[in-house]
Amino acid sequence: GGEVTGRTPDGRRVAAMIERGGYAERVA
């Protein structure tokens, strides 16, 4: 998984590209 959308701990809604790790409940 290389892409996610969700919220940061401070409530911001973001969309992000990553190398791996997107198929998860949480990702850095």
mmCIF file of all heavy atoms, coordinates in Angstrom:
data_MODEL
# 
_entry.id   MODEL 
# 
loop_
_atom_site.group_PDB 
_atom_site.id 
_atom_site.type_symbol 
_atom_site.label_atom_id 
_atom_site.label_alt_id 
_atom_site.label_comp_id 
_atom_site.label_asym_id 
_atom_site.label_entity_id 
_atom_site.label_seq_id 
_atom_site.pdbx_PDB_ins_code 
_atom_site.Cartn_x 
_atom_site.Cartn_y 
_atom_site.Cartn_z 
_atom_site.occupancy 
_atom_site.B_iso_or_equiv 
_atom_site.pdbx_formal_charge 
_atom_site.auth_seq_id 
_atom_site.auth_comp_id 
_atom_site.auth_asym_id 
_atom_site.auth_atom_id 
_atom_site.pdbx_PDB_model_num 
ATOM 1   N N   . GLY A 1 1  ? 0.815   -1.210 0.000  1.00 0.00 ? 1  GLY A N   1 
ATOM 2   C CA  . GLY A 1 1  ? 0.000   0.000  0.000  1.00 0.00 ? 1  GLY A CA  1 
ATOM 3   C C   . GLY A 1 1  ? 0.844   1.252  0.000  1.00 0.00 ? 1  GLY A C   1 
ATOM 4   O O   . GLY A 1 1  ? 1.625   1.469  0.936  1.00 0.00 ? 1  GLY A O   1 
ATOM 5   N N   . GLY A 1 2  ? 0.680   2.083  -1.035 1.00 0.00 ? 2  GLY A N   1 
ATOM 6   C CA  . GLY A 1 2  ? 1.503   3.270  -1.180 1.00 0.00 ? 2  GLY A CA  1 
ATOM 7   C C   . GLY A 1 2  ? 0.766   4.579  -1.041 1.00 0.00 ? 2  GLY A C   1 
ATOM 8   O O   . GLY A 1 2  ? 1.347   5.640  -1.282 1.00 0.00 ? 2  GLY A O   1 
ATOM 9   N N   . GLU A 1 3  ? -0.506  4.546  -0.607 1.00 0.00 ? 3  GLU A N   1 
ATOM 10  C CA  . GLU A 1 3  ? -1.265  5.800  -0.511 1.00 0.00 ? 3  GLU A CA  1 
ATOM 11  C C   . GLU A 1 3  ? -2.383  5.646  0.509  1.00 0.00 ? 3  GLU A C   1 
ATOM 12  O O   . GLU A 1 3  ? -3.025  4.593  0.589  1.00 0.00 ? 3  GLU A O   1 
ATOM 13  C CB  . GLU A 1 3  ? -1.827  6.190  -1.878 1.00 0.00 ? 3  GLU A CB  1 
ATOM 14  C CG  . GLU A 1 3  ? -2.563  5.075  -2.568 1.00 0.00 ? 3  GLU A CG  1 
ATOM 15  C CD  . GLU A 1 3  ? -3.007  5.416  -3.985 1.00 0.00 ? 3  GLU A CD  1 
ATOM 16  O OE1 . GLU A 1 3  ? -2.610  6.460  -4.518 1.00 0.00 ? 3  GLU A OE1 1 
ATOM 17  O OE2 . GLU A 1 3  ? -3.781  4.616  -4.548 1.00 0.00 ? 3  GLU A OE2 1 
ATOM 18  N N   . VAL A 1 4  ? -2.590  6.699  1.278  1.00 0.00 ? 4  VAL A N   1 
ATOM 19  C CA  . VAL A 1 4  ? -3.615  6.691  2.325  1.00 0.00 ? 4  VAL A CA  1 
ATOM 20  C C   . VAL A 1 4  ? -4.238  8.070  2.443  1.00 0.00 ? 4  VAL A C   1 
ATOM 21  O O   . VAL A 1 4  ? -3.640  9.088  2.066  1.00 0.00 ? 4  VAL A O   1 
ATOM 22  C CB  . VAL A 1 4  ? -3.033  6.298  3.708  1.00 0.00 ? 4  VAL A CB  1 
ATOM 23  C CG1 . VAL A 1 4  ? -2.478  4.881  3.684  1.00 0.00 ? 4  VAL A CG1 1 
ATOM 24  C CG2 . VAL A 1 4  ? -1.969  7.289  4.165  1.00 0.00 ? 4  VAL A CG2 1 
ATOM 25  N N   . THR A 1 5  ? -5.438  8.094  3.009  1.00 0.00 ? 5  THR A N   1 
ATOM 26  C CA  . THR A 1 5  ? -6.018  9.345  3.475  1.00 0.00 ? 5  THR A CA  1 
ATOM 27  C C   . THR A 1 5  ? -6.573  9.103  4.869  1.00 0.00 ? 5  THR A C   1 
ATOM 28  O O   . THR A 1 5  ? -6.987  7.989  5.203  1.00 0.00 ? 5  THR A O   1 
ATOM 29  C CB  . THR A 1 5  ? -7.117  9.859  2.526  1.00 0.00 ? 5  THR A CB  1 
ATOM 30  O OG1 . THR A 1 5  ? -7.486  11.184 2.917  1.00 0.00 ? 5  THR A OG1 1 
ATOM 31  C CG2 . THR A 1 5  ? -8.348  8.974  2.552  1.00 0.00 ? 5  THR A CG2 1 
ATOM 32  N N   . GLY A 1 6  ? -6.548  10.128 5.684  1.00 0.00 ? 6  GLY A N   1 
ATOM 33  C CA  . GLY A 1 6  ? -7.013  9.985  7.061  1.00 0.00 ? 6  GLY A CA  1 
ATOM 34  C C   . GLY A 1 6  ? -6.729  11.254 7.839  1.00 0.00 ? 6  GLY A C   1 
ATOM 35  O O   . GLY A 1 6  ? -6.572  12.339 7.258  1.00 0.00 ? 6  GLY A O   1 
ATOM 36  N N   . ARG A 1 7  ? -6.664  11.121 9.156  1.00 0.00 ? 7  ARG A N   1 
ATOM 37  C CA  . ARG A 1 7  ? -6.456  12.286 10.016 1.00 0.00 ? 7  ARG A CA  1 
ATOM 38  C C   . ARG A 1 7  ? -5.212  12.124 10.870 1.00 0.00 ? 7  ARG A C   1 
ATOM 39  O O   . ARG A 1 7  ? -4.882  11.027 11.318 1.00 0.00 ? 7  ARG A O   1 
ATOM 40  C CB  . ARG A 1 7  ? -7.676  12.526 10.909 1.00 0.00 ? 7  ARG A CB  1 
ATOM 41  C CG  . ARG A 1 7  ? -8.909  12.968 10.136 1.00 0.00 ? 7  ARG A CG  1 
ATOM 42  C CD  . ARG A 1 7  ? -9.995  13.493 11.042 1.00 0.00 ? 7  ARG A CD  1 
ATOM 43  N NE  . ARG A 1 7  ? -11.177 13.886 10.279 1.00 0.00 ? 7  ARG A NE  1 
ATOM 44  C CZ  . ARG A 1 7  ? -11.348 15.093 9.733  1.00 0.00 ? 7  ARG A CZ  1 
ATOM 45  N NH1 . ARG A 1 7  ? -10.421 16.020 9.905  1.00 0.00 ? 7  ARG A NH1 1 
ATOM 46  N NH2 . ARG A 1 7  ? -12.445 15.374 9.056  1.00 0.00 ? 7  ARG A NH2 1 
ATOM 47  N N   . THR A 1 8  ? -4.552  13.241 11.113 1.00 0.00 ? 8  THR A N   1 
ATOM 48  C CA  . THR A 1 8  ? -3.406  13.287 12.002 1.00 0.00 ? 8  THR A CA  1 
ATOM 49  C C   . THR A 1 8  ? -3.907  13.432 13.446 1.00 0.00 ? 8  THR A C   1 
ATOM 50  O O   . THR A 1 8  ? -5.083  13.753 13.671 1.00 0.00 ? 8  THR A O   1 
ATOM 51  C CB  . THR A 1 8  ? -2.505  14.471 11.647 1.00 0.00 ? 8  THR A CB  1 
ATOM 52  O OG1 . THR A 1 8  ? -3.254  15.687 11.805 1.00 0.00 ? 8  THR A OG1 1 
ATOM 53  C CG2 . THR A 1 8  ? -2.017  14.362 10.200 1.00 0.00 ? 8  THR A CG2 1 
ATOM 54  N N   . PRO A 1 9  ? -3.039  13.212 14.446 1.00 0.00 ? 9  PRO A N   1 
ATOM 55  C CA  . PRO A 1 9  ? -3.488  13.345 15.838 1.00 0.00 ? 9  PRO A CA  1 
ATOM 56  C C   . PRO A 1 9  ? -4.075  14.708 16.182 1.00 0.00 ? 9  PRO A C   1 
ATOM 57  O O   . PRO A 1 9  ? -4.922  14.811 17.078 1.00 0.00 ? 9  PRO A O   1 
ATOM 58  C CB  . PRO A 1 9  ? -2.203  13.080 16.636 1.00 0.00 ? 9  PRO A CB  1 
ATOM 59  C CG  . PRO A 1 9  ? -1.404  12.175 15.747 1.00 0.00 ? 9  PRO A CG  1 
ATOM 60  C CD  . PRO A 1 9  ? -1.675  12.665 14.350 1.00 0.00 ? 9  PRO A CD  1 
ATOM 61  N N   . ASP A 1 10 ? -3.660  15.755 15.460 1.00 0.00 ? 10 ASP A N   1 
ATOM 62  C CA  . ASP A 1 10 ? -4.223  17.085 15.738 1.00 0.00 ? 10 ASP A CA  1 
ATOM 63  C C   . ASP A 1 10 ? -5.468  17.383 14.912 1.00 0.00 ? 10 ASP A C   1 
ATOM 64  O O   . ASP A 1 10 ? -5.950  18.518 14.880 1.00 0.00 ? 10 ASP A O   1 
ATOM 65  C CB  . ASP A 1 10 ? -3.167  18.175 15.525 1.00 0.00 ? 10 ASP A CB  1 
ATOM 66  C CG  . ASP A 1 10 ? -2.630  18.210 14.107 1.00 0.00 ? 10 ASP A CG  1 
ATOM 67  O OD1 . ASP A 1 10 ? -3.101  17.415 13.258 1.00 0.00 ? 10 ASP A OD1 1 
ATOM 68  O OD2 . ASP A 1 10 ? -1.726  19.027 13.826 1.00 0.00 ? 10 ASP A OD2 1 
ATOM 69  N N   . GLY A 1 11 ? -6.000  16.358 14.210 1.00 0.00 ? 11 GLY A N   1 
ATOM 70  C CA  . GLY A 1 11 ? -7.277  16.503 13.524 1.00 0.00 ? 11 GLY A CA  1 
ATOM 71  C C   . GLY A 1 11 ? -7.212  16.939 12.079 1.00 0.00 ? 11 GLY A C   1 
ATOM 72  O O   . GLY A 1 11 ? -8.260  17.077 11.432 1.00 0.00 ? 11 GLY A O   1 
ATOM 73  N N   . ARG A 1 12 ? -6.024  17.171 11.547 1.00 0.00 ? 12 ARG A N   1 
ATOM 74  C CA  . ARG A 1 12 ? -5.922  17.585 10.148 1.00 0.00 ? 12 ARG A CA  1 
ATOM 75  C C   . ARG A 1 12 ? -6.240  16.407 9.220  1.00 0.00 ? 12 ARG A C   1 
ATOM 76  O O   . ARG A 1 12 ? -5.810  15.286 9.461  1.00 0.00 ? 12 ARG A O   1 
ATOM 77  C CB  . ARG A 1 12 ? -4.519  18.105 9.833  1.00 0.00 ? 12 ARG A CB  1 
ATOM 78  C CG  . ARG A 1 12 ? -4.190  19.428 10.469 1.00 0.00 ? 12 ARG A CG  1 
ATOM 79  C CD  . ARG A 1 12 ? -2.784  19.883 10.082 1.00 0.00 ? 12 ARG A CD  1 
ATOM 80  N NE  . ARG A 1 12 ? -1.766  18.975 10.590 1.00 0.00 ? 12 ARG A NE  1 
ATOM 81  C CZ  . ARG A 1 12 ? -0.870  18.339 9.839  1.00 0.00 ? 12 ARG A CZ  1 
ATOM 82  N NH1 . ARG A 1 12 ? -0.887  18.503 8.517  1.00 0.00 ? 12 ARG A NH1 1 
ATOM 83  N NH2 . ARG A 1 12 ? 0.033   17.551 10.382 1.00 0.00 ? 12 ARG A NH2 1 
ATOM 84  N N   . ARG A 1 13 ? -6.986  16.694 8.161  1.00 0.00 ? 13 ARG A N   1 
ATOM 85  C CA  . ARG A 1 13 ? -7.291  15.676 7.162  1.00 0.00 ? 13 ARG A CA  1 
ATOM 86  C C   . ARG A 1 13 ? -6.242  15.764 6.065  1.00 0.00 ? 13 ARG A C   1 
ATOM 87  O O   . ARG A 1 13 ? -6.037  16.815 5.455  1.00 0.00 ? 13 ARG A O   1 
ATOM 88  C CB  . ARG A 1 13 ? -8.690  15.908 6.605  1.00 0.00 ? 13 ARG A CB  1 
ATOM 89  C CG  . ARG A 1 13 ? -9.222  14.760 5.759  1.00 0.00 ? 13 ARG A CG  1 
ATOM 90  C CD  . ARG A 1 13 ? -10.724 14.874 5.592  1.00 0.00 ? 13 ARG A CD  1 
ATOM 91  N NE  . ARG A 1 13 ? -11.194 13.886 4.635  1.00 0.00 ? 13 ARG A NE  1 
ATOM 92  C CZ  . ARG A 1 13 ? -11.764 14.164 3.472  1.00 0.00 ? 13 ARG A CZ  1 
ATOM 93  N NH1 . ARG A 1 13 ? -11.964 15.433 3.127  1.00 0.00 ? 13 ARG A NH1 1 
ATOM 94  N NH2 . ARG A 1 13 ? -12.140 13.211 2.657  1.00 0.00 ? 13 ARG A NH2 1 
ATOM 95  N N   . VAL A 1 14 ? -5.554  14.627 5.805  1.00 0.00 ? 14 VAL A N   1 
ATOM 96  C CA  . VAL A 1 14 ? -4.454  14.627 4.849  1.00 0.00 ? 14 VAL A CA  1 
ATOM 97  C C   . VAL A 1 14 ? -4.560  13.414 3.930  1.00 0.00 ? 14 VAL A C   1 
ATOM 98  O O   . VAL A 1 14 ? -5.231  12.421 4.234  1.00 0.00 ? 14 VAL A O   1 
ATOM 99  C CB  . VAL A 1 14 ? -3.075  14.612 5.556  1.00 0.00 ? 14 VAL A CB  1 
ATOM 100 C CG1 . VAL A 1 14 ? -2.889  15.856 6.422  1.00 0.00 ? 14 VAL A CG1 1 
ATOM 101 C CG2 . VAL A 1 14 ? -2.893  13.338 6.376  1.00 0.00 ? 14 VAL A CG2 1 
ATOM 102 N N   . ALA A 1 15 ? -3.861  13.517 2.806  1.00 0.00 ? 15 ALA A N   1 
ATOM 103 C CA  . ALA A 1 15 ? -3.655  12.388 1.902  1.00 0.00 ? 15 ALA A CA  1 
ATOM 104 C C   . ALA A 1 15 ? -2.153  12.284 1.690  1.00 0.00 ? 15 ALA A C   1 
ATOM 105 O O   . ALA A 1 15 ? -1.472  13.305 1.545  1.00 0.00 ? 15 ALA A O   1 
ATOM 106 C CB  . ALA A 1 15 ? -4.369  12.615 0.574  1.00 0.00 ? 15 ALA A CB  1 
ATOM 107 N N   . ALA A 1 16 ? -1.631  11.058 1.691  1.00 0.00 ? 16 ALA A N   1 
ATOM 108 C CA  . ALA A 1 16 ? -0.176  10.916 1.672  1.00 0.00 ? 16 ALA A CA  1 
ATOM 109 C C   . ALA A 1 16 ? 0.261   9.718  0.844  1.00 0.00 ? 16 ALA A C   1 
ATOM 110 O O   . ALA A 1 16 ? -0.386  8.666  0.843  1.00 0.00 ? 16 ALA A O   1 
ATOM 111 C CB  . ALA A 1 16 ? 0.367   10.780 3.097  1.00 0.00 ? 16 ALA A CB  1 
ATOM 112 N N   . MET A 1 17 ? 1.395   9.913  0.166  1.00 0.00 ? 17 MET A N   1 
ATOM 113 C CA  . MET A 1 17 ? 2.078   8.833  -0.539 1.00 0.00 ? 17 MET A CA  1 
ATOM 114 C C   . MET A 1 17 ? 3.200   8.299  0.357  1.00 0.00 ? 17 MET A C   1 
ATOM 115 O O   . MET A 1 17 ? 3.894   9.064  1.017  1.00 0.00 ? 17 MET A O   1 
ATOM 116 C CB  . MET A 1 17 ? 2.698   9.355  -1.836 1.00 0.00 ? 17 MET A CB  1 
ATOM 117 C CG  . MET A 1 17 ? 1.699   9.706  -2.901 1.00 0.00 ? 17 MET A CG  1 
ATOM 118 S SD  . MET A 1 17 ? 1.017   8.256  -3.713 1.00 0.00 ? 17 MET A SD  1 
ATOM 119 C CE  . MET A 1 17 ? 2.479   7.560  -4.472 1.00 0.00 ? 17 MET A CE  1 
ATOM 120 N N   . ILE A 1 18 ? 3.357   6.982  0.344  1.00 0.00 ? 18 ILE A N   1 
ATOM 121 C CA  . ILE A 1 18 ? 4.414   6.330  1.106  1.00 0.00 ? 18 ILE A CA  1 
ATOM 122 C C   . ILE A 1 18 ? 4.992   5.207  0.266  1.00 0.00 ? 18 ILE A C   1 
ATOM 123 O O   . ILE A 1 18 ? 4.391   4.777  -0.719 1.00 0.00 ? 18 ILE A O   1 
ATOM 124 C CB  . ILE A 1 18 ? 3.882   5.763  2.444  1.00 0.00 ? 18 ILE A CB  1 
ATOM 125 C CG1 . ILE A 1 18 ? 2.605   4.951  2.198  1.00 0.00 ? 18 ILE A CG1 1 
ATOM 126 C CG2 . ILE A 1 18 ? 3.659   6.856  3.460  1.00 0.00 ? 18 ILE A CG2 1 
ATOM 127 C CD1 . ILE A 1 18 ? 2.025   4.327  3.437  1.00 0.00 ? 18 ILE A CD1 1 
ATOM 128 N N   . GLU A 1 19 ? 6.166   4.721  0.647  1.00 0.00 ? 19 GLU A N   1 
ATOM 129 C CA  . GLU A 1 19 ? 6.773   3.630  -0.108 1.00 0.00 ? 19 GLU A CA  1 
ATOM 130 C C   . GLU A 1 19 ? 6.022   2.325  0.116  1.00 0.00 ? 19 GLU A C   1 
ATOM 131 O O   . GLU A 1 19 ? 5.712   1.595  -0.823 1.00 0.00 ? 19 GLU A O   1 
ATOM 132 C CB  . GLU A 1 19 ? 8.241   3.467  0.285  1.00 0.00 ? 19 GLU A CB  1 
ATOM 133 C CG  . GLU A 1 19 ? 8.972   2.425  -0.548 1.00 0.00 ? 19 GLU A CG  1 
ATOM 134 C CD  . GLU A 1 19 ? 10.438  2.325  -0.209 1.00 0.00 ? 19 GLU A CD  1 
ATOM 135 O OE1 . GLU A 1 19 ? 10.910  3.112  0.631  1.00 0.00 ? 19 GLU A OE1 1 
ATOM 136 O OE2 . GLU A 1 19 ? 11.123  1.455  -0.784 1.00 0.00 ? 19 GLU A OE2 1 
ATOM 137 N N   . ARG A 1 20 ? 5.710   2.029  1.375  1.00 0.00 ? 20 ARG A N   1 
ATOM 138 C CA  . ARG A 1 20 ? 4.962   0.825  1.750  1.00 0.00 ? 20 ARG A CA  1 
ATOM 139 C C   . ARG A 1 20 ? 4.177   1.137  3.015  1.00 0.00 ? 20 ARG A C   1 
ATOM 140 O O   . ARG A 1 20 ? 4.383   2.149  3.655  1.00 0.00 ? 20 ARG A O   1 
ATOM 141 C CB  . ARG A 1 20 ? 5.921   -0.348 2.056  1.00 0.00 ? 20 ARG A CB  1 
ATOM 142 C CG  . ARG A 1 20 ? 6.964   -0.589 0.987  1.00 0.00 ? 20 ARG A CG  1 
ATOM 143 C CD  . ARG A 1 20 ? 6.733   -1.850 0.198  1.00 0.00 ? 20 ARG A CD  1 
ATOM 144 N NE  . ARG A 1 20 ? 7.531   -1.831 -1.023 1.00 0.00 ? 20 ARG A NE  1 
ATOM 145 C CZ  . ARG A 1 20 ? 8.805   -2.176 -1.095 1.00 0.00 ? 20 ARG A CZ  1 
ATOM 146 N NH1 . ARG A 1 20 ? 9.439   -2.573 -0.022 1.00 0.00 ? 20 ARG A NH1 1 
ATOM 147 N NH2 . ARG A 1 20 ? 9.445   -2.138 -2.250 1.00 0.00 ? 20 ARG A NH2 1 
ATOM 148 N N   . GLY A 1 21 ? 3.277   0.212  3.411  1.00 0.00 ? 21 GLY A N   1 
ATOM 149 C CA  . GLY A 1 21 ? 2.632   0.310  4.713  1.00 0.00 ? 21 GLY A CA  1 
ATOM 150 C C   . GLY A 1 21 ? 1.222   0.846  4.732  1.00 0.00 ? 21 GLY A C   1 
ATOM 151 O O   . GLY A 1 21 ? 0.628   1.000  5.798  1.00 0.00 ? 21 GLY A O   1 
ATOM 152 N N   . GLY A 1 22 ? 0.635   1.108  3.561  1.00 0.00 ? 22 GLY A N   1 
ATOM 153 C CA  . GLY A 1 22 ? -0.666  1.754  3.520  1.00 0.00 ? 22 GLY A CA  1 
ATOM 154 C C   . GLY A 1 22 ? -1.847  0.882  3.892  1.00 0.00 ? 22 GLY A C   1 
ATOM 155 O O   . GLY A 1 22 ? -2.890  1.396  4.298  1.00 0.00 ? 22 GLY A O   1 
ATOM 156 N N   . TYR A 1 23 ? -1.736  -0.441 3.741  1.00 0.00 ? 23 TYR A N   1 
ATOM 157 C CA  . TYR A 1 23 ? -2.850  -1.330 4.081  1.00 0.00 ? 23 TYR A CA  1 
ATOM 158 C C   . TYR A 1 23 ? -2.861  -1.547 5.597  1.00 0.00 ? 23 TYR A C   1 
ATOM 159 O O   . TYR A 1 23 ? -2.562  -2.617 6.115  1.00 0.00 ? 23 TYR A O   1 
ATOM 160 C CB  . TYR A 1 23 ? -2.691  -2.693 3.425  1.00 0.00 ? 23 TYR A CB  1 
ATOM 161 C CG  . TYR A 1 23 ? -2.851  -2.789 1.926  1.00 0.00 ? 23 TYR A CG  1 
ATOM 162 C CD1 . TYR A 1 23 ? -2.902  -1.684 1.092  1.00 0.00 ? 23 TYR A CD1 1 
ATOM 163 C CD2 . TYR A 1 23 ? -2.937  -4.050 1.330  1.00 0.00 ? 23 TYR A CD2 1 
ATOM 164 C CE1 . TYR A 1 23 ? -3.048  -1.820 -0.275 1.00 0.00 ? 23 TYR A CE1 1 
ATOM 165 C CE2 . TYR A 1 23 ? -3.082  -4.196 -0.048 1.00 0.00 ? 23 TYR A CE2 1 
ATOM 166 C CZ  . TYR A 1 23 ? -3.130  -3.075 -0.843 1.00 0.00 ? 23 TYR A CZ  1 
ATOM 167 O OH  . TYR A 1 23 ? -3.259  -3.225 -2.202 1.00 0.00 ? 23 TYR A OH  1 
ATOM 168 N N   . ALA A 1 24 ? -3.219  -0.524 6.351  1.00 0.00 ? 24 ALA A N   1 
ATOM 169 C CA  . ALA A 1 24 ? -3.144  -0.601 7.811  1.00 0.00 ? 24 ALA A CA  1 
ATOM 170 C C   . ALA A 1 24 ? -4.071  0.433  8.428  1.00 0.00 ? 24 ALA A C   1 
ATOM 171 O O   . ALA A 1 24 ? -4.498  1.386  7.773  1.00 0.00 ? 24 ALA A O   1 
ATOM 172 C CB  . ALA A 1 24 ? -1.707  -0.366 8.281  1.00 0.00 ? 24 ALA A CB  1 
ATOM 173 N N   . GLU A 1 25 ? -4.367  0.227  9.719  1.00 0.00 ? 25 GLU A N   1 
ATOM 174 C CA  . GLU A 1 25 ? -5.202  1.188  10.430 1.00 0.00 ? 25 GLU A CA  1 
ATOM 175 C C   . GLU A 1 25 ? -4.453  2.482  10.723 1.00 0.00 ? 25 GLU A C   1 
ATOM 176 O O   . GLU A 1 25 ? -5.055  3.554  10.790 1.00 0.00 ? 25 GLU A O   1 
ATOM 177 C CB  . GLU A 1 25 ? -5.694  0.586  11.738 1.00 0.00 ? 25 GLU A CB  1 
ATOM 178 C CG  . GLU A 1 25 ? -6.710  -0.524 11.555 1.00 0.00 ? 25 GLU A CG  1 
ATOM 179 C CD  . GLU A 1 25 ? -7.194  -1.081 12.881 1.00 0.00 ? 25 GLU A CD  1 
ATOM 180 O OE1 . GLU A 1 25 ? -6.353  -1.420 13.735 1.00 0.00 ? 25 GLU A OE1 1 
ATOM 181 O OE2 . GLU A 1 25 ? -8.427  -1.170 13.054 1.00 0.00 ? 25 GLU A OE2 1 
ATOM 182 N N   . ARG A 1 26 ? -3.150  2.392  10.904 1.00 0.00 ? 26 ARG A N   1 
ATOM 183 C CA  . ARG A 1 26 ? -2.329  3.566  11.175 1.00 0.00 ? 26 ARG A CA  1 
ATOM 184 C C   . ARG A 1 26 ? -1.021  3.448  10.405 1.00 0.00 ? 26 ARG A C   1 
ATOM 185 O O   . ARG A 1 26 ? -0.493  2.347  10.211 1.00 0.00 ? 26 ARG A O   1 
ATOM 186 C CB  . ARG A 1 26 ? -2.039  3.693  12.686 1.00 0.00 ? 26 ARG A CB  1 
ATOM 187 C CG  . ARG A 1 26 ? -3.233  4.204  13.481 1.00 0.00 ? 26 ARG A CG  1 
ATOM 188 C CD  . ARG A 1 26 ? -2.999  4.135  14.966 1.00 0.00 ? 26 ARG A CD  1 
ATOM 189 N NE  . ARG A 1 26 ? -3.087  2.768  15.477 1.00 0.00 ? 26 ARG A NE  1 
ATOM 190 C CZ  . ARG A 1 26 ? -4.232  2.129  15.709 1.00 0.00 ? 26 ARG A CZ  1 
ATOM 191 N NH1 . ARG A 1 26 ? -5.390  2.714  15.455 1.00 0.00 ? 26 ARG A NH1 1 
ATOM 192 N NH2 . ARG A 1 26 ? -4.222  0.912  16.194 1.00 0.00 ? 26 ARG A NH2 1 
ATOM 193 N N   . VAL A 1 27 ? -0.486  4.604  10.012 1.00 0.00 ? 27 VAL A N   1 
ATOM 194 C CA  . VAL A 1 27 ? 0.767   4.604  9.273  1.00 0.00 ? 27 VAL A CA  1 
ATOM 195 C C   . VAL A 1 27 ? 1.510   5.908  9.554  1.00 0.00 ? 27 VAL A C   1 
ATOM 196 O O   . VAL A 1 27 ? 0.890   6.960  9.761  1.00 0.00 ? 27 VAL A O   1 
ATOM 197 C CB  . VAL A 1 27 ? 0.513   4.430  7.756  1.00 0.00 ? 27 VAL A CB  1 
ATOM 198 C CG1 . VAL A 1 27 ? -0.291  5.589  7.200  1.00 0.00 ? 27 VAL A CG1 1 
ATOM 199 C CG2 . VAL A 1 27 ? 1.813   4.254  6.994  1.00 0.00 ? 27 VAL A CG2 1 
ATOM 200 N N   . ALA A 1 28 ? 2.830   5.820  9.616  1.00 0.00 ? 28 ALA A N   1 
ATOM 201 C CA  . ALA A 1 28 ? 3.672   7.005  9.751  1.00 0.00 ? 28 ALA A CA  1 
ATOM 202 C C   . ALA A 1 28 ? 4.107   7.433  8.360  1.00 0.00 ? 28 ALA A C   1 
ATOM 203 O O   . ALA A 1 28 ? 4.639   6.630  7.587  1.00 0.00 ? 28 ALA A O   1 
ATOM 204 C CB  . ALA A 1 28 ? 4.887   6.703  10.621 1.00 0.00 ? 28 ALA A CB  1 
# 
